[in-house]
Amino acid sequence: MPTTTLTFANKINASAQRGDTAYYVTTSTSGGFDINSADLVKIGVIKTIADNRLSMVVDLGTLTTAQIPTTSHFILFSKDKYSNPSGLLGYYAEVCFKNTSSTEAELFGINADMFESSK
């Protein structure tokens, strides 16, 4: 499939990685911009990102060369929910709170911090 190299004046966001999907949207000339999901144009899957994070190679997929973004476009990316899952999957915790005192008690909040240990 055809590819294109997108070069930037500033470093690409640190969370962008190979396999993410790149998009672009046209910005307004008034200095601000509104992004409407209907205005987003999918560029394709990011194949590589340069070590200096100033350029990336993107697989154009079905995009034609006439639709390649220019310097007037805002470039963004999204993560694949299957490659980068978040949240707990397959693990659970069960908690039981008991008031062992003879006086009434009020519980204001509960907080939990969980992480997967190294394997």
N, C-alpha and C. Protein backbone atom coordinates (compact mmCIF):
# COMPACT_ATOMS: atom_id res chain seq x y z
N MET A 1 0.84 -1.18 0.00
CA MET A 1 0.00 0.00 0.00
C MET A 1 0.88 1.25 0.00
N PRO A 2 0.38 2.34 -0.57
CA PRO A 2 1.19 3.56 -0.61
C PRO A 2 1.34 4.17 0.78
N THR A 3 2.48 4.82 1.00
CA THR A 3 2.75 5.49 2.26
C THR A 3 3.14 6.93 2.00
N THR A 4 3.05 7.75 3.04
CA THR A 4 3.53 9.12 2.95
C THR A 4 4.25 9.45 4.25
N THR A 5 5.19 10.37 4.19
CA THR A 5 5.91 10.82 5.37
C THR A 5 5.38 12.19 5.77
N LEU A 6 4.91 12.31 6.99
CA LEU A 6 4.44 13.58 7.52
C LEU A 6 5.55 14.14 8.40
N THR A 7 5.98 15.37 8.13
CA THR A 7 7.05 16.01 8.87
C THR A 7 6.48 17.19 9.65
N PHE A 8 6.93 17.34 10.89
CA PHE A 8 6.40 18.36 11.79
C PHE A 8 7.50 19.29 12.29
N ALA A 9 7.12 20.52 12.62
CA ALA A 9 8.07 21.48 13.19
C ALA A 9 8.30 21.19 14.67
N ASN A 10 7.29 20.65 15.35
CA ASN A 10 7.39 20.30 16.77
C ASN A 10 7.31 18.79 16.91
N LYS A 11 7.77 18.29 18.06
CA LYS A 11 7.79 16.85 18.28
C LYS A 11 6.38 16.27 18.34
N ILE A 12 6.25 15.06 17.82
CA ILE A 12 5.00 14.33 17.84
C ILE A 12 4.72 13.92 19.29
N ASN A 13 3.45 13.94 19.66
CA ASN A 13 3.03 13.56 21.01
C ASN A 13 3.68 12.24 21.42
N ALA A 14 4.16 12.18 22.66
CA ALA A 14 4.89 11.01 23.15
C ALA A 14 4.03 9.75 23.18
N SER A 15 2.72 9.87 23.27
CA SER A 15 1.88 8.68 23.34
C SER A 15 1.53 8.11 21.97
N ALA A 16 1.88 8.82 20.90
CA ALA A 16 1.66 8.27 19.56
C ALA A 16 2.65 7.13 19.33
N GLN A 17 2.16 6.05 18.76
CA GLN A 17 3.03 4.91 18.52
C GLN A 17 2.63 4.19 17.25
N ARG A 18 3.51 3.31 16.82
CA ARG A 18 3.26 2.49 15.64
C ARG A 18 1.96 1.71 15.84
N GLY A 19 1.08 1.71 14.84
CA GLY A 19 -0.18 1.00 14.92
C GLY A 19 -1.37 1.91 15.22
N ASP A 20 -1.11 3.13 15.69
CA ASP A 20 -2.20 4.08 15.92
C ASP A 20 -2.72 4.57 14.57
N THR A 21 -3.94 5.11 14.56
CA THR A 21 -4.53 5.62 13.32
C THR A 21 -4.42 7.14 13.31
N ALA A 22 -3.89 7.70 12.22
CA ALA A 22 -3.74 9.14 12.07
C ALA A 22 -4.91 9.73 11.29
N TYR A 23 -5.35 10.91 11.70
CA TYR A 23 -6.45 11.64 11.06
C TYR A 23 -6.01 13.07 10.85
N TYR A 24 -6.76 13.80 10.02
CA TYR A 24 -6.54 15.25 9.94
C TYR A 24 -7.88 15.95 9.80
N VAL A 25 -7.86 17.23 10.16
CA VAL A 25 -9.04 18.08 10.05
C VAL A 25 -8.55 19.46 9.64
N THR A 26 -9.34 20.14 8.84
CA THR A 26 -9.00 21.50 8.41
C THR A 26 -9.30 22.47 9.53
N THR A 27 -8.37 23.37 9.81
CA THR A 27 -8.56 24.35 10.87
C THR A 27 -9.16 25.63 10.30
N SER A 28 -9.81 26.40 11.17
CA SER A 28 -10.39 27.67 10.72
C SER A 28 -9.29 28.72 10.63
N THR A 29 -9.56 29.78 9.90
CA THR A 29 -8.57 30.85 9.73
C THR A 29 -8.68 31.90 10.83
N SER A 30 -9.66 31.75 11.73
CA SER A 30 -9.85 32.75 12.78
C SER A 30 -8.97 32.50 14.00
N GLY A 31 -8.15 31.47 13.96
CA GLY A 31 -7.25 31.19 15.07
C GLY A 31 -7.73 30.04 15.92
N GLY A 32 -9.03 29.85 16.03
CA GLY A 32 -9.56 28.70 16.76
C GLY A 32 -10.04 27.67 15.77
N PHE A 33 -10.42 26.54 16.23
CA PHE A 33 -10.95 25.55 15.31
C PHE A 33 -11.98 24.69 16.02
N ASP A 34 -12.92 24.21 15.27
CA ASP A 34 -13.94 23.30 15.76
C ASP A 34 -13.74 21.97 15.07
N ILE A 35 -13.77 20.91 15.80
CA ILE A 35 -13.64 19.59 15.20
C ILE A 35 -14.99 18.91 15.25
N ASN A 36 -15.50 18.56 14.11
CA ASN A 36 -16.74 17.82 13.99
C ASN A 36 -16.35 16.46 13.45
N SER A 37 -16.86 15.39 14.04
CA SER A 37 -16.45 14.05 13.60
C SER A 37 -16.69 13.84 12.11
N ALA A 38 -17.64 14.57 11.53
CA ALA A 38 -17.90 14.44 10.10
C ALA A 38 -16.77 15.08 9.29
N ASP A 39 -16.02 16.00 9.90
CA ASP A 39 -14.93 16.69 9.21
C ASP A 39 -13.62 15.93 9.26
N LEU A 40 -13.52 14.91 10.10
CA LEU A 40 -12.28 14.15 10.23
C LEU A 40 -12.03 13.32 8.98
N VAL A 41 -10.78 13.32 8.55
CA VAL A 41 -10.38 12.50 7.40
C VAL A 41 -9.32 11.52 7.89
N LYS A 42 -9.56 10.24 7.69
CA LYS A 42 -8.61 9.22 8.12
C LYS A 42 -7.45 9.18 7.14
N ILE A 43 -6.23 9.36 7.66
CA ILE A 43 -5.04 9.27 6.81
C ILE A 43 -4.65 7.80 6.68
N GLY A 44 -4.50 7.13 7.81
CA GLY A 44 -4.14 5.72 7.80
C GLY A 44 -3.41 5.32 9.05
N VAL A 45 -2.85 4.14 9.04
CA VAL A 45 -2.15 3.58 10.20
C VAL A 45 -0.71 4.07 10.22
N ILE A 46 -0.24 4.48 11.39
CA ILE A 46 1.14 4.94 11.55
C ILE A 46 2.06 3.72 11.47
N LYS A 47 2.99 3.73 10.52
CA LYS A 47 3.92 2.62 10.34
C LYS A 47 5.19 2.81 11.16
N THR A 48 5.77 4.01 11.13
CA THR A 48 6.98 4.29 11.91
C THR A 48 6.95 5.75 12.36
N ILE A 49 7.65 5.99 13.45
CA ILE A 49 7.87 7.36 13.94
C ILE A 49 9.37 7.51 14.11
N ALA A 50 9.90 8.62 13.59
CA ALA A 50 11.34 8.86 13.65
C ALA A 50 11.81 8.96 15.09
N ASP A 51 13.07 8.61 15.33
CA ASP A 51 13.64 8.67 16.68
C ASP A 51 13.58 10.07 17.27
N ASN A 52 13.71 11.10 16.44
CA ASN A 52 13.65 12.48 16.94
C ASN A 52 12.21 12.98 17.08
N ARG A 53 11.22 12.13 16.72
CA ARG A 53 9.78 12.39 16.82
C ARG A 53 9.35 13.63 16.03
N LEU A 54 10.02 13.91 14.92
CA LEU A 54 9.64 15.03 14.07
C LEU A 54 9.00 14.58 12.76
N SER A 55 8.91 13.28 12.54
CA SER A 55 8.25 12.78 11.33
C SER A 55 7.70 11.39 11.58
N MET A 56 6.71 11.03 10.75
CA MET A 56 6.11 9.70 10.82
C MET A 56 5.76 9.24 9.43
N VAL A 57 5.82 7.93 9.22
CA VAL A 57 5.40 7.33 7.97
C VAL A 57 4.03 6.72 8.21
N VAL A 58 3.08 7.07 7.33
CA VAL A 58 1.70 6.62 7.48
C VAL A 58 1.29 5.84 6.24
N ASP A 59 0.67 4.69 6.45
CA ASP A 59 0.10 3.89 5.37
C ASP A 59 -1.19 4.57 4.93
N LEU A 60 -1.27 4.99 3.68
CA LEU A 60 -2.42 5.76 3.21
C LEU A 60 -3.69 4.94 3.06
N GLY A 61 -3.60 3.64 3.02
CA GLY A 61 -4.80 2.83 2.88
C GLY A 61 -5.55 3.20 1.63
N THR A 62 -6.79 3.69 1.76
CA THR A 62 -7.61 4.05 0.60
C THR A 62 -7.55 5.53 0.28
N LEU A 63 -6.75 6.30 1.04
CA LEU A 63 -6.64 7.74 0.80
C LEU A 63 -5.91 8.01 -0.50
N THR A 64 -6.39 8.94 -1.29
CA THR A 64 -5.71 9.30 -2.54
C THR A 64 -4.66 10.36 -2.25
N THR A 65 -3.71 10.53 -3.16
CA THR A 65 -2.66 11.52 -2.95
C THR A 65 -3.21 12.94 -2.92
N ALA A 66 -4.38 13.17 -3.51
CA ALA A 66 -5.00 14.50 -3.48
C ALA A 66 -5.51 14.84 -2.08
N GLN A 67 -5.69 13.83 -1.22
CA GLN A 67 -6.22 14.05 0.12
C GLN A 67 -5.14 14.08 1.20
N ILE A 68 -3.87 14.03 0.84
CA ILE A 68 -2.79 14.06 1.82
C ILE A 68 -2.82 15.42 2.52
N PRO A 69 -2.70 15.44 3.86
CA PRO A 69 -2.78 16.71 4.59
C PRO A 69 -1.62 17.65 4.28
N THR A 70 -1.90 18.94 4.43
CA THR A 70 -0.90 19.98 4.22
C THR A 70 -0.64 20.69 5.55
N THR A 71 0.14 21.76 5.51
CA THR A 71 0.46 22.50 6.73
C THR A 71 -0.74 23.23 7.31
N SER A 72 -1.83 23.36 6.57
CA SER A 72 -3.02 24.02 7.10
C SER A 72 -3.95 23.06 7.83
N HIS A 73 -3.59 21.80 7.93
CA HIS A 73 -4.42 20.80 8.60
C HIS A 73 -3.90 20.51 10.00
N PHE A 74 -4.81 20.12 10.87
CA PHE A 74 -4.46 19.68 12.23
C PHE A 74 -4.43 18.16 12.21
N ILE A 75 -3.30 17.58 12.63
CA ILE A 75 -3.12 16.13 12.63
C ILE A 75 -3.40 15.60 14.03
N LEU A 76 -4.17 14.51 14.12
CA LEU A 76 -4.43 13.87 15.39
C LEU A 76 -4.38 12.37 15.21
N PHE A 77 -4.41 11.63 16.31
CA PHE A 77 -4.33 10.18 16.20
C PHE A 77 -5.25 9.55 17.24
N SER A 78 -5.57 8.29 17.01
CA SER A 78 -6.38 7.54 17.96
C SER A 78 -5.74 6.18 18.19
N LYS A 79 -6.04 5.63 19.35
CA LYS A 79 -5.51 4.33 19.72
C LYS A 79 -6.53 3.25 19.38
N ASP A 80 -6.05 2.09 19.04
CA ASP A 80 -6.90 0.93 18.80
C ASP A 80 -7.30 0.37 20.15
N LYS A 81 -8.59 0.25 20.42
CA LYS A 81 -9.04 -0.21 21.74
C LYS A 81 -8.67 -1.66 22.02
N TYR A 82 -8.35 -2.42 21.00
CA TYR A 82 -7.97 -3.81 21.20
C TYR A 82 -6.48 -3.96 21.47
N SER A 83 -5.67 -3.08 20.90
CA SER A 83 -4.22 -3.14 21.11
C SER A 83 -3.81 -2.48 22.41
N ASN A 84 -4.56 -1.47 22.82
CA ASN A 84 -4.23 -0.72 24.03
C ASN A 84 -5.41 -0.70 24.98
N PRO A 85 -5.77 -1.84 25.54
CA PRO A 85 -6.94 -1.86 26.42
C PRO A 85 -6.66 -1.13 27.73
N SER A 86 -7.69 -0.60 28.32
CA SER A 86 -7.55 0.03 29.62
C SER A 86 -8.59 -0.57 30.55
N GLY A 87 -8.33 -0.45 31.81
CA GLY A 87 -9.25 -1.01 32.79
C GLY A 87 -8.88 -2.45 33.11
N LEU A 88 -9.50 -2.94 34.12
CA LEU A 88 -9.22 -4.31 34.55
C LEU A 88 -10.03 -5.29 33.72
N LEU A 89 -9.40 -6.34 33.29
CA LEU A 89 -10.07 -7.39 32.55
C LEU A 89 -9.77 -8.72 33.23
N GLY A 90 -10.80 -9.40 33.68
CA GLY A 90 -10.60 -10.71 34.24
C GLY A 90 -10.21 -10.74 35.71
N TYR A 91 -10.10 -9.62 36.34
CA TYR A 91 -9.77 -9.57 37.75
C TYR A 91 -10.91 -8.89 38.49
N TYR A 92 -11.10 -9.26 39.74
CA TYR A 92 -12.12 -8.60 40.52
C TYR A 92 -11.71 -8.62 41.99
N ALA A 93 -12.36 -7.79 42.75
CA ALA A 93 -12.13 -7.76 44.19
C ALA A 93 -13.48 -7.74 44.88
N GLU A 94 -13.53 -8.37 46.03
CA GLU A 94 -14.76 -8.37 46.82
C GLU A 94 -14.40 -7.83 48.19
N VAL A 95 -15.18 -6.87 48.66
CA VAL A 95 -14.88 -6.20 49.92
C VAL A 95 -16.13 -6.21 50.80
N CYS A 96 -15.94 -6.42 52.09
CA CYS A 96 -17.05 -6.38 53.04
C CYS A 96 -16.65 -5.44 54.18
N PHE A 97 -17.45 -4.41 54.41
CA PHE A 97 -17.20 -3.47 55.49
C PHE A 97 -18.13 -3.80 56.65
N LYS A 98 -17.55 -3.88 57.85
CA LYS A 98 -18.35 -4.15 59.04
C LYS A 98 -18.04 -3.10 60.09
N ASN A 99 -19.07 -2.62 60.74
CA ASN A 99 -18.89 -1.70 61.86
C ASN A 99 -18.94 -2.54 63.13
N THR A 100 -17.78 -2.72 63.77
CA THR A 100 -17.72 -3.56 64.98
C THR A 100 -17.91 -2.76 66.26
N SER A 101 -18.05 -1.44 66.12
CA SER A 101 -18.28 -0.65 67.33
C SER A 101 -19.78 -0.65 67.66
N SER A 102 -20.09 -0.25 68.88
CA SER A 102 -21.50 -0.22 69.30
C SER A 102 -22.17 1.11 68.94
N THR A 103 -21.40 2.07 68.41
CA THR A 103 -21.97 3.36 68.01
C THR A 103 -22.11 3.43 66.50
N GLU A 104 -22.99 4.30 66.10
CA GLU A 104 -23.24 4.48 64.67
C GLU A 104 -22.02 5.10 64.00
N ALA A 105 -21.72 4.67 62.81
CA ALA A 105 -20.59 5.21 62.04
C ALA A 105 -21.09 5.54 60.63
N GLU A 106 -20.45 6.55 60.04
CA GLU A 106 -20.84 6.96 58.70
C GLU A 106 -19.64 6.82 57.77
N LEU A 107 -19.85 6.23 56.62
CA LEU A 107 -18.79 6.04 55.64
C LEU A 107 -18.89 7.12 54.59
N PHE A 108 -17.84 7.93 54.46
CA PHE A 108 -17.87 9.05 53.52
C PHE A 108 -17.39 8.68 52.13
N GLY A 109 -16.45 7.78 52.03
CA GLY A 109 -15.94 7.42 50.71
C GLY A 109 -15.04 6.21 50.77
N ILE A 110 -14.88 5.59 49.64
CA ILE A 110 -14.03 4.42 49.51
C ILE A 110 -13.14 4.65 48.30
N ASN A 111 -11.88 4.32 48.43
CA ASN A 111 -10.95 4.50 47.33
C ASN A 111 -10.11 3.24 47.18
N ALA A 112 -9.79 2.87 45.97
CA ALA A 112 -8.96 1.69 45.73
C ALA A 112 -7.94 2.02 44.66
N ASP A 113 -6.76 1.50 44.82
CA ASP A 113 -5.70 1.68 43.83
C ASP A 113 -5.17 0.29 43.51
N MET A 114 -5.31 -0.11 42.24
CA MET A 114 -4.90 -1.46 41.85
C MET A 114 -3.96 -1.38 40.65
N PHE A 115 -3.05 -2.32 40.58
CA PHE A 115 -2.17 -2.41 39.43
C PHE A 115 -1.71 -3.85 39.29
N GLU A 116 -1.33 -4.19 38.09
CA GLU A 116 -0.86 -5.55 37.82
C GLU A 116 0.62 -5.61 38.22
N SER A 117 0.97 -6.57 39.02
CA SER A 117 2.36 -6.72 39.43
C SER A 117 3.17 -7.31 38.28
N SER A 118 4.48 -7.19 38.38
CA SER A 118 5.33 -7.75 37.32
C SER A 118 5.22 -9.26 37.34
N LYS A 119 5.37 -9.84 36.19
CA LYS A 119 5.21 -11.29 36.07
C LYS A 119 6.55 -11.96 35.97
